[in-house]
PDB file of all heavy atoms in Angstrom:
ATOM      1  N   GLY A   1      14.274   8.086  11.471  1.00  0.00           N
ATOM      2  CA  GLY A   1      14.319   9.050  12.513  1.00  0.00           C
ATOM      3  C   GLY A   1      14.549  10.476  11.999  1.00  0.00           C
ATOM      4  O   GLY A   1      14.962  10.655  10.829  1.00  0.00           O
ATOM      5  N   ILE A   2      14.273  11.464  12.841  1.00  0.00           N
ATOM      6  CA  ILE A   2      14.404  12.891  12.422  1.00  0.00           C
ATOM      7  C   ILE A   2      14.919  13.674  13.596  1.00  0.00           C
ATOM      8  O   ILE A   2      14.423  13.439  14.722  1.00  0.00           O
ATOM      9  CB  ILE A   2      13.112  13.408  11.845  1.00  0.00           C
ATOM     10  CG1 ILE A   2      13.256  14.713  11.162  1.00  0.00           C
ATOM     11  CG2 ILE A   2      11.961  13.385  12.870  1.00  0.00           C
ATOM     12  CD1 ILE A   2      12.128  15.255  10.302  1.00  0.00           C
ATOM     13  N   SER A   3      15.781  14.572  13.367  1.00  0.00           N
ATOM     14  CA  SER A   3      16.286  15.434  14.410  1.00  0.00           C
ATOM     15  C   SER A   3      15.303  16.446  14.788  1.00  0.00           C
ATOM     16  O   SER A   3      14.227  16.577  14.205  1.00  0.00           O
ATOM     17  CB  SER A   3      17.577  16.153  13.945  1.00  0.00           C
ATOM     18  OG  SER A   3      17.279  16.988  12.740  1.00  0.00           O
ATOM     19  N   TRP A   4      15.591  17.209  15.871  1.00  0.00           N
ATOM     20  CA  TRP A   4      14.547  18.193  16.372  1.00  0.00           C
ATOM     21  C   TRP A   4      14.402  19.396  15.423  1.00  0.00           C
ATOM     22  O   TRP A   4      13.289  19.951  15.293  1.00  0.00           O
ATOM     23  CB  TRP A   4      15.053  18.757  17.783  1.00  0.00           C
ATOM     24  CG  TRP A   4      16.223  19.594  17.611  1.00  0.00           C
ATOM     25  CD1 TRP A   4      17.547  19.305  17.574  1.00  0.00           C
ATOM     26  CD2 TRP A   4      16.207  21.085  17.536  1.00  0.00           C
ATOM     27  NE1 TRP A   4      18.388  20.335  17.429  1.00  0.00           N
ATOM     28  CE2 TRP A   4      17.580  21.527  17.495  1.00  0.00           C
ATOM     29  CE3 TRP A   4      15.163  22.034  17.607  1.00  0.00           C
ATOM     30  CZ2 TRP A   4      17.907  22.853  17.398  1.00  0.00           C
ATOM     31  CZ3 TRP A   4      15.528  23.364  17.598  1.00  0.00           C
ATOM     32  CH2 TRP A   4      16.812  23.692  17.374  1.00  0.00           C
ATOM     33  N   SER A   5      15.455  19.642  14.702  1.00  0.00           N
ATOM     34  CA  SER A   5      15.384  20.874  13.879  1.00  0.00           C
ATOM     35  C   SER A   5      14.926  20.526  12.405  1.00  0.00           C
ATOM     36  O   SER A   5      15.256  19.476  11.882  1.00  0.00           O
ATOM     37  CB  SER A   5      16.741  21.497  13.781  1.00  0.00           C
ATOM     38  OG  SER A   5      16.826  22.583  12.841  1.00  0.00           O
ATOM     39  N   THR A   6      14.141  21.427  11.815  1.00  0.00           N
ATOM     40  CA  THR A   6      13.797  21.287  10.437  1.00  0.00           C
ATOM     41  C   THR A   6      14.638  22.295   9.547  1.00  0.00           C
ATOM     42  O   THR A   6      14.399  22.326   8.396  1.00  0.00           O
ATOM     43  CB  THR A   6      12.325  21.581  10.237  1.00  0.00           C
ATOM     44  OG1 THR A   6      12.027  22.899  10.734  1.00  0.00           O
ATOM     45  CG2 THR A   6      11.408  20.533  10.932  1.00  0.00           C
ATOM     46  N   ASP A   7      15.566  22.877  10.245  1.00  0.00           N
ATOM     47  CA  ASP A   7      16.368  23.878   9.465  1.00  0.00           C
ATOM     48  C   ASP A   7      17.315  23.196   8.419  1.00  0.00           C
ATOM     49  O   ASP A   7      17.634  22.036   8.617  1.00  0.00           O
ATOM     50  CB  ASP A   7      17.394  24.460  10.513  1.00  0.00           C
ATOM     51  CG  ASP A   7      18.296  25.440   9.939  1.00  0.00           C
ATOM     52  OD1 ASP A   7      17.960  26.641   9.647  1.00  0.00           O
ATOM     53  OD2 ASP A   7      19.450  25.027   9.591  1.00  0.00           O
ATOM     54  N   ALA A   8      17.501  23.834   7.305  1.00  0.00           N
ATOM     55  CA  ALA A   8      18.182  23.190   6.266  1.00  0.00           C
ATOM     56  C   ALA A   8      19.648  22.837   6.673  1.00  0.00           C
ATOM     57  O   ALA A   8      20.236  21.878   6.125  1.00  0.00           O
ATOM     58  CB  ALA A   8      18.300  24.158   5.058  1.00  0.00           C
ATOM     59  N   THR A   9      20.228  23.552   7.561  1.00  0.00           N
ATOM     60  CA  THR A   9      21.510  23.236   8.076  1.00  0.00           C
ATOM     61  C   THR A   9      21.546  22.123   9.112  1.00  0.00           C
ATOM     62  O   THR A   9      22.453  21.267   9.066  1.00  0.00           O
ATOM     63  CB  THR A   9      22.237  24.591   8.618  1.00  0.00           C
ATOM     64  OG1 THR A   9      22.248  25.568   7.581  1.00  0.00           O
ATOM     65  CG2 THR A   9      23.646  24.281   9.063  1.00  0.00           C
ATOM     66  N   PHE A  10      20.716  22.302  10.070  1.00  0.00           N
ATOM     67  CA  PHE A  10      20.738  21.362  11.228  1.00  0.00           C
ATOM     68  C   PHE A  10      19.755  20.224  11.129  1.00  0.00           C
ATOM     69  O   PHE A  10      19.842  19.280  11.907  1.00  0.00           O
ATOM     70  CB  PHE A  10      20.518  22.123  12.579  1.00  0.00           C
ATOM     71  CG  PHE A  10      21.604  23.206  12.780  1.00  0.00           C
ATOM     72  CD1 PHE A  10      21.349  24.463  12.530  1.00  0.00           C
ATOM     73  CD2 PHE A  10      22.822  22.827  13.194  1.00  0.00           C
ATOM     74  CE1 PHE A  10      22.356  25.487  12.768  1.00  0.00           C
ATOM     75  CE2 PHE A  10      23.817  23.759  13.367  1.00  0.00           C
ATOM     76  CZ  PHE A  10      23.577  25.088  13.184  1.00  0.00           C
ATOM     77  N   GLY A  11      18.783  20.281  10.202  1.00  0.00           N
ATOM     78  CA  GLY A  11      17.881  19.240  10.071  1.00  0.00           C
ATOM     79  C   GLY A  11      18.490  17.946   9.562  1.00  0.00           C
ATOM     80  O   GLY A  11      19.471  17.985   8.808  1.00  0.00           O
ATOM     81  N   HIS A  12      18.062  16.779  10.042  1.00  0.00           N
ATOM     82  CA  HIS A  12      18.723  15.523   9.716  1.00  0.00           C
ATOM     83  C   HIS A  12      17.670  14.340   9.823  1.00  0.00           C
ATOM     84  O   HIS A  12      16.935  14.298  10.770  1.00  0.00           O
ATOM     85  CB  HIS A  12      19.814  15.292  10.793  1.00  0.00           C
ATOM     86  CG  HIS A  12      20.503  13.967  10.581  1.00  0.00           C
ATOM     87  ND1 HIS A  12      21.244  13.658   9.553  1.00  0.00           N
ATOM     88  CD2 HIS A  12      20.549  12.910  11.521  1.00  0.00           C
ATOM     89  CE1 HIS A  12      21.755  12.444   9.749  1.00  0.00           C
ATOM     90  NE2 HIS A  12      21.355  11.941  10.905  1.00  0.00           N
ATOM     91  N   THR A  13      17.630  13.590   8.713  1.00  0.00           N
ATOM     92  CA  THR A  13      16.762  12.445   8.745  1.00  0.00           C
ATOM     93  C   THR A  13      17.634  11.229   8.395  1.00  0.00           C
ATOM     94  O   THR A  13      18.641  11.282   7.762  1.00  0.00           O
ATOM     95  CB  THR A  13      15.622  12.541   7.769  1.00  0.00           C
ATOM     96  OG1 THR A  13      16.176  12.560   6.453  1.00  0.00           O
ATOM     97  CG2 THR A  13      14.775  13.740   8.075  1.00  0.00           C
ATOM     98  N   PHE A  14      17.191  10.021   8.858  1.00  0.00           N
ATOM     99  CA  PHE A  14      17.913   8.847   8.565  1.00  0.00           C
ATOM    100  C   PHE A  14      16.946   7.624   8.646  1.00  0.00           C
ATOM    101  O   PHE A  14      15.961   7.614   9.374  1.00  0.00           O
ATOM    102  CB  PHE A  14      19.093   8.595   9.621  1.00  0.00           C
ATOM    103  CG  PHE A  14      18.678   8.786  11.029  1.00  0.00           C
ATOM    104  CD1 PHE A  14      18.520   7.731  11.881  1.00  0.00           C
ATOM    105  CD2 PHE A  14      18.596  10.107  11.548  1.00  0.00           C
ATOM    106  CE1 PHE A  14      18.143   7.970  13.236  1.00  0.00           C
ATOM    107  CE2 PHE A  14      18.253  10.335  12.894  1.00  0.00           C
ATOM    108  CZ  PHE A  14      18.035   9.176  13.643  1.00  0.00           C
ATOM    109  N   ASN A  15      17.240   6.695   7.791  1.00  0.00           N
ATOM    110  CA  ASN A  15      16.316   5.525   7.584  1.00  0.00           C
ATOM    111  C   ASN A  15      17.082   4.210   7.865  1.00  0.00           C
ATOM    112  O   ASN A  15      18.317   4.076   7.649  1.00  0.00           O
ATOM    113  CB  ASN A  15      15.808   5.493   6.166  1.00  0.00           C
ATOM    114  CG  ASN A  15      14.794   6.562   5.871  1.00  0.00           C
ATOM    115  OD1 ASN A  15      14.464   7.348   6.774  1.00  0.00           O
ATOM    116  ND2 ASN A  15      14.282   6.531   4.666  1.00  0.00           N
ATOM    117  N   ALA A  16      16.270   3.216   8.213  1.00  0.00           N
ATOM    118  CA  ALA A  16      16.764   1.866   8.196  1.00  0.00           C
ATOM    119  C   ALA A  16      17.012   1.378   6.710  1.00  0.00           C
ATOM    120  O   ALA A  16      16.488   2.020   5.761  1.00  0.00           O
ATOM    121  CB  ALA A  16      15.775   0.867   8.763  1.00  0.00           C
ATOM    122  N   ASP A  17      17.907   0.504   6.461  1.00  0.00           N
ATOM    123  CA  ASP A  17      18.307   0.106   5.125  1.00  0.00           C
ATOM    124  C   ASP A  17      17.040  -0.247   4.285  1.00  0.00           C
ATOM    125  O   ASP A  17      16.965   0.036   3.111  1.00  0.00           O
ATOM    126  CB  ASP A  17      19.266  -1.016   5.149  1.00  0.00           C
ATOM    127  CG  ASP A  17      20.733  -0.558   5.593  1.00  0.00           C
ATOM    128  OD1 ASP A  17      20.987   0.649   5.652  1.00  0.00           O
ATOM    129  OD2 ASP A  17      21.471  -1.394   5.923  1.00  0.00           O
ATOM    130  N   PHE A  18      16.138  -0.973   4.912  1.00  0.00           N
ATOM    131  CA  PHE A  18      14.980  -1.497   4.151  1.00  0.00           C
ATOM    132  C   PHE A  18      14.114  -0.300   3.778  1.00  0.00           C
ATOM    133  O   PHE A  18      13.206  -0.488   2.868  1.00  0.00           O
ATOM    134  CB  PHE A  18      14.171  -2.496   4.927  1.00  0.00           C
ATOM    135  CG  PHE A  18      13.502  -1.965   6.205  1.00  0.00           C
ATOM    136  CD1 PHE A  18      12.336  -1.273   6.111  1.00  0.00           C
ATOM    137  CD2 PHE A  18      14.069  -2.133   7.422  1.00  0.00           C
ATOM    138  CE1 PHE A  18      11.738  -0.768   7.260  1.00  0.00           C
ATOM    139  CE2 PHE A  18      13.460  -1.695   8.591  1.00  0.00           C
ATOM    140  CZ  PHE A  18      12.328  -0.947   8.537  1.00  0.00           C
ATOM    141  N   ALA A  19      14.177   0.832   4.479  1.00  0.00           N
ATOM    142  CA  ALA A  19      13.343   1.999   4.137  1.00  0.00           C
ATOM    143  C   ALA A  19      13.934   2.973   3.202  1.00  0.00           C
ATOM    144  O   ALA A  19      13.210   3.883   2.656  1.00  0.00           O
ATOM    145  CB  ALA A  19      12.949   2.666   5.470  1.00  0.00           C
ATOM    146  N   LYS A  20      15.227   2.879   2.914  1.00  0.00           N
ATOM    147  CA  LYS A  20      15.857   3.883   2.099  1.00  0.00           C
ATOM    148  C   LYS A  20      15.287   3.804   0.690  1.00  0.00           C
ATOM    149  O   LYS A  20      15.080   2.720   0.066  1.00  0.00           O
ATOM    150  CB  LYS A  20      17.430   3.553   2.069  1.00  0.00           C
ATOM    151  CG  LYS A  20      18.107   3.876   3.359  1.00  0.00           C
ATOM    152  CD  LYS A  20      19.585   3.526   3.271  1.00  0.00           C
ATOM    153  CE  LYS A  20      20.187   3.863   4.549  1.00  0.00           C
ATOM    154  NZ  LYS A  20      21.661   3.512   4.602  1.00  0.00           N
ATOM    155  N   GLY A  21      14.986   5.036   0.174  1.00  0.00           N
ATOM    156  CA  GLY A  21      14.434   5.132  -1.160  1.00  0.00           C
ATOM    157  C   GLY A  21      12.894   4.935  -1.219  1.00  0.00           C
ATOM    158  O   GLY A  21      12.326   5.108  -2.328  1.00  0.00           O
ATOM    159  N   ARG A  22      12.282   4.392  -0.136  1.00  0.00           N
ATOM    160  CA  ARG A  22      10.848   4.160  -0.137  1.00  0.00           C
ATOM    161  C   ARG A  22      10.117   4.971   0.940  1.00  0.00           C
ATOM    162  O   ARG A  22       8.984   5.353   0.676  1.00  0.00           O
ATOM    163  CB  ARG A  22      10.638   2.617   0.097  1.00  0.00           C
ATOM    164  CG  ARG A  22      11.215   1.782  -0.970  1.00  0.00           C
ATOM    165  CD  ARG A  22      10.615   0.340  -0.859  1.00  0.00           C
ATOM    166  NE  ARG A  22      10.966  -0.207   0.448  1.00  0.00           N
ATOM    167  CZ  ARG A  22      10.090  -0.816   1.243  1.00  0.00           C
ATOM    168  NH1 ARG A  22       8.882  -0.832   0.970  1.00  0.00           N
ATOM    169  NH2 ARG A  22      10.499  -1.378   2.430  1.00  0.00           N
ATOM    170  N   PHE A  23      10.663   5.148   2.030  1.00  0.00           N
ATOM    171  CA  PHE A  23      10.002   5.806   3.206  1.00  0.00           C
ATOM    172  C   PHE A  23      10.707   7.171   3.463  1.00  0.00           C
ATOM    173  O   PHE A  23      11.902   7.312   3.376  1.00  0.00           O
ATOM    174  CB  PHE A  23      10.117   5.061   4.469  1.00  0.00           C
ATOM    175  CG  PHE A  23       9.460   3.640   4.447  1.00  0.00           C
ATOM    176  CD1 PHE A  23       8.781   3.250   3.350  1.00  0.00           C
ATOM    177  CD2 PHE A  23       9.458   2.886   5.540  1.00  0.00           C
ATOM    178  CE1 PHE A  23       8.121   1.998   3.268  1.00  0.00           C
ATOM    179  CE2 PHE A  23       8.753   1.645   5.614  1.00  0.00           C
ATOM    180  CZ  PHE A  23       8.094   1.245   4.459  1.00  0.00           C
ATOM    181  N   THR A  24       9.841   8.126   3.727  1.00  0.00           N
ATOM    182  CA  THR A  24      10.315   9.510   4.114  1.00  0.00           C
ATOM    183  C   THR A  24       9.742  10.038   5.401  1.00  0.00           C
ATOM    184  O   THR A  24       8.469  10.071   5.470  1.00  0.00           O
ATOM    185  CB  THR A  24      10.051  10.490   3.011  1.00  0.00           C
ATOM    186  OG1 THR A  24      10.581   9.974   1.722  1.00  0.00           O
ATOM    187  CG2 THR A  24      10.553  11.826   3.269  1.00  0.00           C
ATOM    188  N   ILE A  25      10.538  10.326   6.311  1.00  0.00           N
ATOM    189  CA  ILE A  25      10.023  10.933   7.595  1.00  0.00           C
ATOM    190  C   ILE A  25      10.166  12.394   7.455  1.00  0.00           C
ATOM    191  O   ILE A  25      11.058  12.906   6.912  1.00  0.00           O
ATOM    192  CB  ILE A  25      10.857  10.429   8.824  1.00  0.00           C
ATOM    193  CG1 ILE A  25      10.271  10.891  10.111  1.00  0.00           C
ATOM    194  CG2 ILE A  25      12.319  10.798   8.725  1.00  0.00           C
ATOM    195  CD1 ILE A  25      10.857  10.177  11.316  1.00  0.00           C
ATOM    196  N   SER A  26       9.141  13.033   8.056  1.00  0.00           N
ATOM    197  CA  SER A  26       9.163  14.485   8.117  1.00  0.00           C
ATOM    198  C   SER A  26       8.389  15.061   9.379  1.00  0.00           C
ATOM    199  O   SER A  26       7.756  14.220  10.078  1.00  0.00           O
ATOM    200  CB  SER A  26       8.531  15.133   6.861  1.00  0.00           C
ATOM    201  OG  SER A  26       7.140  14.774   6.728  1.00  0.00           O
ATOM    202  N   ARG A  27       8.561  16.329   9.684  1.00  0.00           N
ATOM    203  CA  ARG A  27       7.814  16.841  10.865  1.00  0.00           C
ATOM    204  C   ARG A  27       7.361  18.256  10.559  1.00  0.00           C
ATOM    205  O   ARG A  27       7.960  18.980   9.793  1.00  0.00           O
ATOM    206  CB  ARG A  27       8.750  16.802  12.025  1.00  0.00           C
ATOM    207  CG  ARG A  27       9.938  17.658  12.050  1.00  0.00           C
ATOM    208  CD  ARG A  27      10.940  17.443  13.222  1.00  0.00           C
ATOM    209  NE  ARG A  27      10.271  17.763  14.459  1.00  0.00           N
ATOM    210  CZ  ARG A  27      10.713  17.207  15.602  1.00  0.00           C
ATOM    211  NH1 ARG A  27      11.780  16.417  15.640  1.00  0.00           N
ATOM    212  NH2 ARG A  27      10.114  17.506  16.762  1.00  0.00           N
ATOM    213  N   ASP A  28       6.298  18.550  11.167  1.00  0.00           N
ATOM    214  CA  ASP A  28       5.628  19.911  11.110  1.00  0.00           C
ATOM    215  C   ASP A  28       5.581  20.447  12.489  1.00  0.00           C
ATOM    216  O   ASP A  28       4.666  20.040  13.243  1.00  0.00           O
ATOM    217  CB  ASP A  28       4.256  19.884  10.454  1.00  0.00           C
ATOM    218  CG  ASP A  28       3.707  21.256  10.213  1.00  0.00           C
ATOM    219  OD1 ASP A  28       4.020  22.219  10.937  1.00  0.00           O
ATOM    220  OD2 ASP A  28       2.830  21.378   9.301  1.00  0.00           O
ATOM    221  N   ASN A  29       6.545  21.171  12.977  1.00  0.00           N
ATOM    222  CA  ASN A  29       6.594  21.630  14.332  1.00  0.00           C
ATOM    223  C   ASN A  29       5.443  22.442  14.808  1.00  0.00           C
ATOM    224  O   ASN A  29       4.995  22.199  15.956  1.00  0.00           O
ATOM    225  CB  ASN A  29       7.970  22.186  14.601  1.00  0.00           C
ATOM    226  CG  ASN A  29       9.100  21.216  14.748  1.00  0.00           C
ATOM    227  OD1 ASN A  29       8.921  20.050  14.956  1.00  0.00           O
ATOM    228  ND2 ASN A  29      10.383  21.759  14.644  1.00  0.00           N
ATOM    229  N   PRO A  30       4.945  23.379  14.030  1.00  0.00           N
ATOM    230  CA  PRO A  30       3.792  24.073  14.454  1.00  0.00           C
ATOM    231  C   PRO A  30       2.485  23.304  14.692  1.00  0.00           C
ATOM    232  O   PRO A  30       1.698  23.603  15.459  1.00  0.00           O
ATOM    233  CB  PRO A  30       3.584  25.108  13.316  1.00  0.00           C
ATOM    234  CG  PRO A  30       4.933  25.290  12.736  1.00  0.00           C
ATOM    235  CD  PRO A  30       5.558  23.893  12.739  1.00  0.00           C
ATOM    236  N   LYS A  31       2.530  22.134  14.025  1.00  0.00           N
ATOM    237  CA  LYS A  31       1.368  21.218  14.101  1.00  0.00           C
ATOM    238  C   LYS A  31       1.593  20.074  15.118  1.00  0.00           C
ATOM    239  O   LYS A  31       0.830  19.178  15.299  1.00  0.00           O
ATOM    240  CB  LYS A  31       0.973  20.576  12.782  1.00  0.00           C
ATOM    241  CG  LYS A  31       0.452  21.672  11.824  1.00  0.00           C
ATOM    242  CD  LYS A  31      -0.086  20.965  10.489  1.00  0.00           C
ATOM    243  CE  LYS A  31      -0.690  22.052   9.566  1.00  0.00           C
ATOM    244  NZ  LYS A  31      -1.172  21.395   8.258  1.00  0.00           N
ATOM    245  N   ASN A  32       2.810  20.064  15.724  1.00  0.00           N
ATOM    246  CA  ASN A  32       3.163  19.018  16.671  1.00  0.00           C
ATOM    247  C   ASN A  32       3.021  17.615  16.136  1.00  0.00           C
ATOM    248  O   ASN A  32       2.451  16.652  16.702  1.00  0.00           O
ATOM    249  CB  ASN A  32       2.365  19.073  17.923  1.00  0.00           C
ATOM    250  CG  ASN A  32       2.752  20.204  18.828  1.00  0.00           C
ATOM    251  OD1 ASN A  32       3.641  20.995  18.491  1.00  0.00           O
ATOM    252  ND2 ASN A  32       2.276  20.314  20.043  1.00  0.00           N
ATOM    253  N   THR A  33       3.347  17.501  14.834  1.00  0.00           N
ATOM    254  CA  THR A  33       3.070  16.237  14.032  1.00  0.00           C
ATOM    255  C   THR A  33       4.390  15.772  13.342  1.00  0.00           C
ATOM    256  O   THR A  33       5.113  16.612  12.777  1.00  0.00           O
ATOM    257  CB  THR A  33       2.036  16.485  13.052  1.00  0.00           C
ATOM    258  OG1 THR A  33       0.834  16.957  13.702  1.00  0.00           O
ATOM    259  CG2 THR A  33       1.611  15.172  12.344  1.00  0.00           C
ATOM    260  N   VAL A  34       4.566  14.483  13.401  1.00  0.00           N
ATOM    261  CA  VAL A  34       5.612  13.857  12.575  1.00  0.00           C
ATOM    262  C   VAL A  34       4.885  12.862  11.632  1.00  0.00           C
ATOM    263  O   VAL A  34       3.886  12.233  11.992  1.00  0.00           O
ATOM    264  CB  VAL A  34       6.659  13.060  13.485  1.00  0.00           C
ATOM    265  CG1 VAL A  34       5.992  11.992  14.373  1.00  0.00           C
ATOM    266  CG2 VAL A  34       7.736  12.611  12.697  1.00  0.00           C
ATOM    267  N   TYR A  35       5.483  12.777  10.494  1.00  0.00           N
ATOM    268  CA  TYR A  35       4.877  11.897   9.376  1.00  0.00           C
ATOM    269  C   TYR A  35       5.826  10.873   8.922  1.00  0.00           C
ATOM    270  O   TYR A  35       7.065  10.938   9.088  1.00  0.00           O
ATOM    271  CB  TYR A  35       4.533  12.830   8.140  1.00  0.00           C
ATOM    272  CG  TYR A  35       3.627  13.969   8.514  1.00  0.00           C
ATOM    273  CD1 TYR A  35       4.057  15.235   8.742  1.00  0.00           C
ATOM    274  CD2 TYR A  35       2.271  13.779   8.578  1.00  0.00           C
ATOM    275  CE1 TYR A  35       3.355  16.316   8.960  1.00  0.00           C
ATOM    276  CE2 TYR A  35       1.434  14.851   8.850  1.00  0.00           C
ATOM    277  CZ  TYR A  35       1.885  16.114   8.932  1.00  0.00           C
ATOM    278  OH  TYR A  35       1.097  17.188   9.259  1.00  0.00           O
ATOM    279  N   LEU A  36       5.251   9.810   8.302  1.00  0.00           N
ATOM    280  CA  LEU A  36       5.973   8.772   7.669  1.00  0.00           C
ATOM    281  C   LEU A  36       5.379   8.484   6.231  1.00  0.00           C
ATOM    282  O   LEU A  36       4.313   7.876   6.309  1.00  0.00           O
ATOM    283  CB  LEU A  36       6.166   7.512   8.440  1.00  0.00           C
ATOM    284  CG  LEU A  36       7.045   6.368   7.792  1.00  0.00           C
ATOM    285  CD1 LEU A  36       8.567   6.933   7.784  1.00  0.00           C
ATOM    286  CD2 LEU A  36       6.946   5.108   8.576  1.00  0.00           C
ATOM    287  N   GLN A  37       5.908   8.949   5.221  1.00  0.00           N
ATOM    288  CA  GLN A  37       5.396   8.645   3.909  1.00  0.00           C
ATOM    289  C   GLN A  37       6.006   7.296   3.464  1.00  0.00           C
ATOM    290  O   GLN A  37       7.246   7.251   3.419  1.00  0.00           O
ATOM    291  CB  GLN A  37       5.754   9.758   2.916  1.00  0.00           C
ATOM    292  CG  GLN A  37       5.367   9.547   1.548  1.00  0.00           C
ATOM    293  CD  GLN A  37       3.884   9.477   1.297  1.00  0.00           C
ATOM    294  OE1 GLN A  37       3.161  10.365   1.708  1.00  0.00           O
ATOM    295  NE2 GLN A  37       3.413   8.480   0.527  1.00  0.00           N
ATOM    296  N   MET A  38       5.217   6.395   3.115  1.00  0.00           N
ATOM    297  CA  MET A  38       5.646   5.119   2.686  1.00  0.00           C
ATOM    298  C   MET A  38       5.236   4.833   1.304  1.00  0.00           C
ATOM    299  O   MET A  38       4.002   4.745   1.040  1.00  0.00           O
ATOM    300  CB  MET A  38       5.155   3.982   3.641  1.00  0.00           C
ATOM    301  CG  MET A  38       5.453   4.240   5.124  1.00  0.00           C
ATOM    302  SD  MET A  38       5.019   2.848   6.210  1.00  0.00           S
ATOM    303  CE  MET A  38       3.296   2.957   6.120  1.00  0.00           C
ATOM    304  N   ASP A  39       6.126   4.636   0.462  1.00  0.00           N
ATOM    305  CA  ASP A  39       5.857   4.352  -1.000  1.00  0.00           C
ATOM    306  C   ASP A  39       6.405   2.940  -1.355  1.00  0.00           C
ATOM    307  O   ASP A  39       7.227   2.410  -0.658  1.00  0.00           O
ATOM    308  CB  ASP A  39       6.543   5.355  -1.859  1.00  0.00           C
ATOM    309  CG  ASP A  39       6.004   6.726  -1.611  1.00  0.00           C
ATOM    310  OD1 ASP A  39       4.807   7.012  -1.394  1.00  0.00           O
ATOM    311  OD2 ASP A  39       6.891   7.746  -1.555  1.00  0.00           O
ATOM    312  N   SER A  40       5.896   2.401  -2.500  1.00  0.00           N
ATOM    313  CA  SER A  40       6.343   1.100  -2.954  1.00  0.00           C
ATOM    314  C   SER A  40       6.215   0.137  -1.829  1.00  0.00           C
ATOM    315  O   SER A  40       7.198  -0.622  -1.599  1.00  0.00           O
ATOM    316  CB  SER A  40       7.730   1.169  -3.490  1.00  0.00           C
ATOM    317  OG  SER A  40       7.847   2.177  -4.634  1.00  0.00           O
ATOM    318  N   LEU A  41       5.185   0.037  -1.222  1.00  0.00           N
ATOM    319  CA  LEU A  41       4.992  -0.807  -0.063  1.00  0.00           C
ATOM    320  C   LEU A  41       5.085  -2.317  -0.459  1.00  0.00           C
ATOM    321  O   LEU A  41       4.699  -2.703  -1.576  1.00  0.00           O
ATOM    322  CB  LEU A  41       3.671  -0.549   0.703  1.00  0.00           C
ATOM    323  CG  LEU A  41       3.713   0.612   1.629  1.00  0.00           C
ATOM    324  CD1 LEU A  41       2.337   1.098   1.913  1.00  0.00           C
ATOM    325  CD2 LEU A  41       4.467   0.302   2.848  1.00  0.00           C
ATOM    326  N   LYS A  42       5.559  -3.138   0.345  1.00  0.00           N
ATOM    327  CA  LYS A  42       5.819  -4.606   0.211  1.00  0.00           C
ATOM    328  C   LYS A  42       5.040  -5.327   1.263  1.00  0.00           C
ATOM    329  O   LYS A  42       4.905  -4.859   2.361  1.00  0.00           O
ATOM    330  CB  LYS A  42       7.206  -4.955   0.246  1.00  0.00           C
ATOM    331  CG  LYS A  42       8.151  -4.131  -0.761  1.00  0.00           C
ATOM    332  CD  LYS A  42       9.605  -4.445  -0.554  1.00  0.00           C
ATOM    333  CE  LYS A  42      10.569  -3.649  -1.508  1.00  0.00           C
ATOM    334  NZ  LYS A  42      11.929  -4.007  -1.317  1.00  0.00           N
ATOM    335  N   PRO A  43       4.700  -6.616   0.975  1.00  0.00           N
ATOM    336  CA  PRO A  43       4.113  -7.414   2.050  1.00  0.00           C
ATOM    337  C   PRO A  43       4.876  -7.503   3.305  1.00  0.00           C
ATOM    338  O   PRO A  43       4.311  -7.544   4.397  1.00  0.00           O
ATOM    339  CB  PRO A  43       3.943  -8.738   1.367  1.00  0.00           C
ATOM    340  CG  PRO A  43       3.781  -8.433  -0.058  1.00  0.00           C
ATOM    341  CD  PRO A  43       4.698  -7.359  -0.317  1.00  0.00           C
ATOM    342  N   GLU A  44       6.201  -7.484   3.133  1.00  0.00           N
ATOM    343  CA  GLU A  44       7.039  -7.568   4.382  1.00  0.00           C
ATOM    344  C   GLU A  44       7.050  -6.268   5.228  1.00  0.00           C
ATOM    345  O   GLU A  44       7.623  -6.223   6.318  1.00  0.00           O
ATOM    346  CB  GLU A  44       8.498  -7.922   4.052  1.00  0.00           C
ATOM    347  CG  GLU A  44       9.124  -7.142   2.905  1.00  0.00           C
ATOM    348  CD  GLU A  44       9.006  -7.789   1.507  1.00  0.00           C
ATOM    349  OE1 GLU A  44       7.859  -8.297   1.200  1.00  0.00           O
ATOM    350  OE2 GLU A  44       9.978  -7.722   0.801  1.00  0.00           O
TER     351      GLU A  44
END
């Protein structure tokens, strides 16, 4: 999940335990887009 703000002070992201260290959520507000970068993918 990601908060509404991308500001360094108020921006906030948080992951499920299984995603920590592997998945990264981000957003580009001018592009109305949210991303999920997934690394080290597993069959599960």
